[in-house]
Amino acid sequence: MQELLEHERQRSLRRGLPLCTALIDVDHFKRINDVHGHAVGDAVLRALACTGQAQLRGSDVLARWGGEEFVVMLPDTLLATASAGIDRLRERLAESMLCDAAPELRVSFSAGIAQLSGDEPIARTLERADRALYAAKAQGRNRVVIAD
């Protein structure tokens, strides 16, 4: 995924087009695993991936980033549009029944979004998205925060 992000960064710079990245973290994922079991936790991650693929554009890329985190790459997308898209994904996931084993379970996520700024390294863009993600968690979770 890192190589793809760098490739899109280079393309964005060449063409003068925006590139946004979002980091998504499932809220209270450890508690979901502890209370409902790892099979339900895995179903939550699959549901997020499937909902994301259904909600995002064909040019967007959603990938597991580690643990309960995902990264979303949104090429040719301005920050306000990216934020609205990730927020719609958050709402759709919250509305979904995720698995038969825990039909009452509703899941939320927190997200941080950053737009590539100038010719900064993609690692810097991801760091800003990560700080925004932690701000979303600090503000009560279940929200999308735009990086400075």
Foldseek 3Di string as FASTA:
>chain_A
DLVVLQVLLVVCQVVVAKKKKKKKAWPPLVVCCVPQNVVLSVLLLVLLVVLCVVQDDPVKDWDAPDDRMIMIIDTRDDPVRVQVSVLVSQVVQQPDQRDPSCRPDGIGMAMFMEMDDNSDRVVVRVVQRVVQSVVCVVVPGRHYGYGD
